[in-house]
C-alpha atoms as a PDB file:
ATOM      1  CA  MET A   1      10.156  15.597  11.743  1.00  0.00           C
ATOM      2  CA  LYS A   2       7.545  16.799   9.276  1.00  0.00           C
ATOM      3  CA  SER A   3       4.738  14.724   7.860  1.00  0.00           C
ATOM      4  CA  GLU A   4       1.805  15.710   5.738  1.00  0.00           C
ATOM      5  CA  PHE A   5      -0.372  15.584   8.861  1.00  0.00           C
ATOM      6  CA  ASP A   6       1.621  17.449  11.482  1.00  0.00           C
ATOM      7  CA  GLU A   7       5.081  18.176  12.853  1.00  0.00           C
ATOM      8  CA  SER A   8       6.667  16.098  15.630  1.00  0.00           C
ATOM      9  CA  VAL A   9       9.804  16.333  17.701  1.00  0.00           C
ATOM     10  CA  ILE A  10      11.813  13.123  17.983  1.00  0.00           C
ATOM     11  CA  GLU A  11      14.304  12.644  20.777  1.00  0.00           C
ATOM     12  CA  VAL A  12      17.172  10.549  19.432  1.00  0.00           C
ATOM     13  CA  PRO A  13      19.377   8.868  22.044  1.00  0.00           C
ATOM     14  CA  ARG A  14      23.010   9.839  21.804  1.00  0.00           C
ATOM     15  CA  ASP A  15      25.917   7.508  22.368  1.00  0.00           C
ATOM     16  CA  ARG A  16      29.639   8.164  22.482  1.00  0.00           C
ATOM     17  CA  ASP A  17      30.634   6.444  19.260  1.00  0.00           C
ATOM     18  CA  GLY A  18      27.515   7.404  17.237  1.00  0.00           C
ATOM     19  CA  SER A  19      26.576   3.784  16.604  1.00  0.00           C
ATOM     20  CA  PHE A  20      22.855   4.221  17.312  1.00  0.00           C
ATOM     21  CA  ASP A  21      20.952   3.601  14.089  1.00  0.00           C
ATOM     22  CA  PRO A  22      17.228   4.436  14.170  1.00  0.00           C
ATOM     23  CA  ILE A  23      14.869   2.033  12.382  1.00  0.00           C
ATOM     24  CA  ILE A  24      11.751   4.009  11.411  1.00  0.00           C
ATOM     25  CA  VAL A  25      13.236   7.450  10.800  1.00  0.00           C
ATOM     26  CA  SER A  26      16.806   7.393   9.515  1.00  0.00           C
ATOM     27  CA  LYS A  27      19.474   9.809  10.705  1.00  0.00           C
ATOM     28  CA  HIS A  28      19.069  13.340   9.300  1.00  0.00           C
ATOM     29  CA  GLN A  29      15.693  12.462   7.821  1.00  0.00           C
ATOM     30  CA  SER A  30      13.028  15.116   8.200  1.00  0.00           C
ATOM     31  CA  LYS A  31      10.058  13.453   6.520  1.00  0.00           C
ATOM     32  CA  ALA A  32       8.050  10.439   7.671  1.00  0.00           C
ATOM     33  CA  ALA A  33       7.678   8.529   4.393  1.00  0.00           C
ATOM     34  CA  PRO A  34       8.869   5.134   5.743  1.00  0.00           C
ATOM     35  CA  VAL A  35       6.117   5.124   8.390  1.00  0.00           C
ATOM     36  CA  LYS A  36       3.533   6.018   5.771  1.00  0.00           C
ATOM     37  CA  ASN A  37       4.776   3.230   3.490  1.00  0.00           C
ATOM     38  CA  MET A  38       4.691   0.748   6.372  1.00  0.00           C
ATOM     39  CA  ILE A  39       1.106   1.730   7.242  1.00  0.00           C
ATOM     40  CA  ILE A  40       0.007   1.378   3.608  1.00  0.00           C
ATOM     41  CA  SER A  41       1.710  -2.017   3.366  1.00  0.00           C
ATOM     42  CA  LEU A  42       0.056  -3.324   6.541  1.00  0.00           C
ATOM     43  CA  TYR A  43      -3.311  -1.962   5.422  1.00  0.00           C
ATOM     44  CA  ALA A  44      -2.941  -3.640   2.025  1.00  0.00           C
ATOM     45  CA  LYS A  45      -2.316  -6.940   3.803  1.00  0.00           C
ATOM     46  CA  GLY A  46      -5.729  -6.646   5.461  1.00  0.00           C
ATOM     47  CA  MET A  47      -4.881  -5.274   8.890  1.00  0.00           C
ATOM     48  CA  SER A  48      -7.374  -2.982  10.594  1.00  0.00           C
ATOM     49  CA  VAL A  49      -6.474   0.530  11.756  1.00  0.00           C
ATOM     50  CA  SER A  50      -6.352  -0.547  15.417  1.00  0.00           C
ATOM     51  CA  ASP A  51      -4.186  -3.573  14.495  1.00  0.00           C
ATOM     52  CA  ILE A  52      -1.751  -1.289  12.657  1.00  0.00           C
ATOM     53  CA  GLU A  53      -1.635   1.054  15.652  1.00  0.00           C
ATOM     54  CA  GLN A  54      -0.812  -1.850  17.990  1.00  0.00           C
ATOM     55  CA  GLU A  55       1.741  -3.325  15.567  1.00  0.00           C
ATOM     56  CA  LEU A  56       3.631  -0.028  15.229  1.00  0.00           C
ATOM     57  CA  TYR A  57       3.790   0.313  18.991  1.00  0.00           C
ATOM     58  CA  LYS A  58       4.737  -3.331  19.611  1.00  0.00           C
ATOM     59  CA  LEU A  59       7.454  -3.557  16.949  1.00  0.00           C
ATOM     60  CA  HIS A  60       8.918  -0.059  16.961  1.00  0.00           C
ATOM     61  CA  ASP A  61       7.649   1.525  20.192  1.00  0.00           C
ATOM     62  CA  TYR A  62       6.132   4.197  17.939  1.00  0.00           C
ATOM     63  CA  LYS A  63       2.757   5.611  18.981  1.00  0.00           C
ATOM     64  CA  LEU A  64       0.568   6.927  16.174  1.00  0.00           C
ATOM     65  CA  SER A  65      -3.107   7.668  16.694  1.00  0.00           C
ATOM     66  CA  ALA A  66      -5.822   5.691  14.925  1.00  0.00           C
ATOM     67  CA  SER A  67      -7.069   8.913  13.332  1.00  0.00           C
ATOM     68  CA  SER A  68      -3.642   9.581  11.762  1.00  0.00           C
ATOM     69  CA  ILE A  69      -3.561   6.045  10.397  1.00  0.00           C
ATOM     70  CA  SER A  70      -7.098   6.494   9.029  1.00  0.00           C
ATOM     71  CA  ILE A  71      -6.052   9.703   7.261  1.00  0.00           C
ATOM     72  CA  ILE A  72      -3.216   7.831   5.521  1.00  0.00           C
ATOM     73  CA  THR A  73      -5.397   4.870   4.501  1.00  0.00           C
ATOM     74  CA  ASP A  74      -8.227   7.163   3.329  1.00  0.00           C
ATOM     75  CA  LYS A  75      -5.819   8.925   0.967  1.00  0.00           C
ATOM     76  CA  VAL A  76      -4.850   5.556  -0.511  1.00  0.00           C
ATOM     77  CA  ASN A  77      -8.514   4.624  -0.939  1.00  0.00           C
ATOM     78  CA  GLN A  78      -9.139   7.945  -2.723  1.00  0.00           C
ATOM     79  CA  GLN A  79      -6.212   7.308  -5.076  1.00  0.00           C
ATOM     80  CA  ILE A  80      -7.652   3.873  -5.884  1.00  0.00           C
ATOM     81  CA  LEU A  81     -11.059   5.383  -6.670  1.00  0.00           C
ATOM     82  CA  ASP A  82      -9.426   8.072  -8.825  1.00  0.00           C
ATOM     83  CA  TRP A  83      -7.547   5.360 -10.756  1.00  0.00           C
ATOM     84  CA  GLN A  84     -10.698   3.270 -11.209  1.00  0.00           C
ATOM     85  CA  ASN A  85     -12.647   6.256 -12.552  1.00  0.00           C
ATOM     86  CA  ARG A  86      -9.933   7.674 -14.822  1.00  0.00           C
ATOM     87  CA  PRO A  87     -10.729   8.063 -18.520  1.00  0.00           C
ATOM     88  CA  LEU A  88      -9.208   5.344 -20.722  1.00  0.00           C
ATOM     89  CA  GLU A  89      -7.528   5.837 -24.077  1.00  0.00           C
ATOM     90  CA  SER A  90      -9.816   5.486 -27.069  1.00  0.00           C
ATOM     91  CA  ILE A  91      -7.388   3.067 -28.784  1.00  0.00           C
ATOM     92  CA  TYR A  92      -4.880   0.517 -27.491  1.00  0.00           C
ATOM     93  CA  TYR A  93      -2.602  -1.130 -30.066  1.00  0.00           C
ATOM     94  CA  ILE A  94      -2.386  -4.414 -28.156  1.00  0.00           C
ATOM     95  CA  VAL A  95      -4.386  -5.692 -25.176  1.00  0.00           C
ATOM     96  CA  TRP A  96      -3.137  -8.555 -23.015  1.00  0.00           C
ATOM     97  CA  MET A  97      -5.444 -10.382 -20.621  1.00  0.00           C
ATOM     98  CA  ASP A  98      -4.282 -12.753 -17.943  1.00  0.00           C
ATOM     99  CA  GLY A  99      -5.176 -14.049 -14.521  1.00  0.00           C
ATOM    100  CA  ILE A 100      -2.951 -14.378 -11.467  1.00  0.00           C
ATOM    101  CA  VAL A 101      -3.959 -16.910  -8.814  1.00  0.00           C
ATOM    102  CA  PHE A 102      -3.336 -16.089  -5.150  1.00  0.00           C
ATOM    103  CA  LYS A 103      -3.873 -18.242  -2.099  1.00  0.00           C
ATOM    104  CA  VAL A 104      -6.077 -16.348   0.362  1.00  0.00           C
ATOM    105  CA  ARG A 105      -7.185 -17.223   3.878  1.00  0.00           C
ATOM    106  CA  ASN A 106     -10.973 -17.028   4.088  1.00  0.00           C
ATOM    107  CA  ALA A 107     -12.979 -18.160   7.144  1.00  0.00           C
ATOM    108  CA  GLY A 108     -10.083 -20.287   8.382  1.00  0.00           C
ATOM    109  CA  LYS A 109      -9.527 -22.003   5.026  1.00  0.00           C
ATOM    110  CA  VAL A 110      -6.955 -21.291   2.343  1.00  0.00           C
ATOM    111  CA  ILE A 111      -8.660 -20.850  -1.018  1.00  0.00           C
ATOM    112  CA  ASN A 112      -7.568 -19.716  -4.474  1.00  0.00           C
ATOM    113  CA  LYS A 113      -8.695 -16.326  -5.782  1.00  0.00           C
ATOM    114  CA  THR A 114      -7.841 -15.004  -9.211  1.00  0.00           C
ATOM    115  CA  ILE A 115      -7.077 -11.420 -10.160  1.00  0.00           C
ATOM    116  CA  TYR A 116      -7.765 -10.849 -13.842  1.00  0.00           C
ATOM    117  CA  LEU A 117      -5.715  -8.112 -15.501  1.00  0.00           C
ATOM    118  CA  ALA A 118      -6.154  -6.260 -18.760  1.00  0.00           C
ATOM    119  CA  VAL A 119      -2.981  -4.477 -19.884  1.00  0.00           C
ATOM    120  CA  GLY A 120      -2.956  -2.279 -22.960  1.00  0.00           C
ATOM    121  CA  LEU A 121      -0.188  -0.808 -25.103  1.00  0.00           C
ATOM    122  CA  ASN A 122      -1.097   2.855 -25.602  1.00  0.00           C
ATOM    123  CA  ARG A 123      -0.200   5.201 -28.471  1.00  0.00           C
ATOM    124  CA  ASP A 124       2.979   6.337 -26.718  1.00  0.00           C
ATOM    125  CA  GLY A 125       4.255   2.754 -26.576  1.00  0.00           C
ATOM    126  CA  HIS A 126       3.755   2.414 -22.808  1.00  0.00           C
ATOM    127  CA  LYS A 127       1.956  -0.464 -21.119  1.00  0.00           C
ATOM    128  CA  GLU A 128      -0.964   0.608 -18.988  1.00  0.00           C
ATOM    129  CA  ILE A 129      -3.189  -1.424 -16.694  1.00  0.00           C
ATOM    130  CA  ILE A 130      -6.672  -0.994 -18.112  1.00  0.00           C
ATOM    131  CA  GLY A 131      -8.451  -2.848 -15.348  1.00  0.00           C
ATOM    132  CA  MET A 132      -8.369  -5.485 -12.627  1.00  0.00           C
ATOM    133  CA  TRP A 133     -11.162  -7.842 -11.618  1.00  0.00           C
ATOM    134  CA  LEU A 134     -11.447 -10.374  -8.803  1.00  0.00           C
ATOM    135  CA  GLY A 135     -12.705 -13.857  -9.688  1.00  0.00           C
ATOM    136  CA  LYS A 136     -13.364 -16.880  -7.495  1.00  0.00           C
ATOM    137  CA  LYS A 137     -11.358 -19.267  -9.657  1.00  0.00           C
ATOM    138  CA  GLU A 138      -9.292 -19.190 -12.826  1.00  0.00           C
ATOM    139  CA  SER A 139     -11.493 -19.613 -15.868  1.00  0.00           C
ATOM    140  CA  ALA A 140     -11.135 -18.776 -19.547  1.00  0.00           C
ATOM    141  CA  ALA A 141     -14.830 -17.900 -19.566  1.00  0.00           C
ATOM    142  CA  PHE A 142     -14.302 -15.005 -17.160  1.00  0.00           C
END
């Protein structure tokens, strides 16, 4: 199996009727995208690198080093920074602004946090997220 980090050999158990169905890496798959997507998803949900490492091993008996997980999450962080620092269009025909309220666990309590979005309609007629901001509560003044 090839990944963007290294190449690994996977030993797949064989059975007489071919009913074994792997979970993480599908049959005849040579790239490790599902593992990468799972790591990104767990990281986005707030899990630490060591927690992700333990979770992968506990759920799927799949051992991946903390440094490999860090490489994957660092690439995501770099993509986020690149998106935040991208140049914006000079003109948007329409700009929509809205807030989405999420319940978040903070210091043992569940509180509301609001993500404010600005979406613009560019010259090509495509909607584009202009920016996202985190607020403590929903407010028209934000």
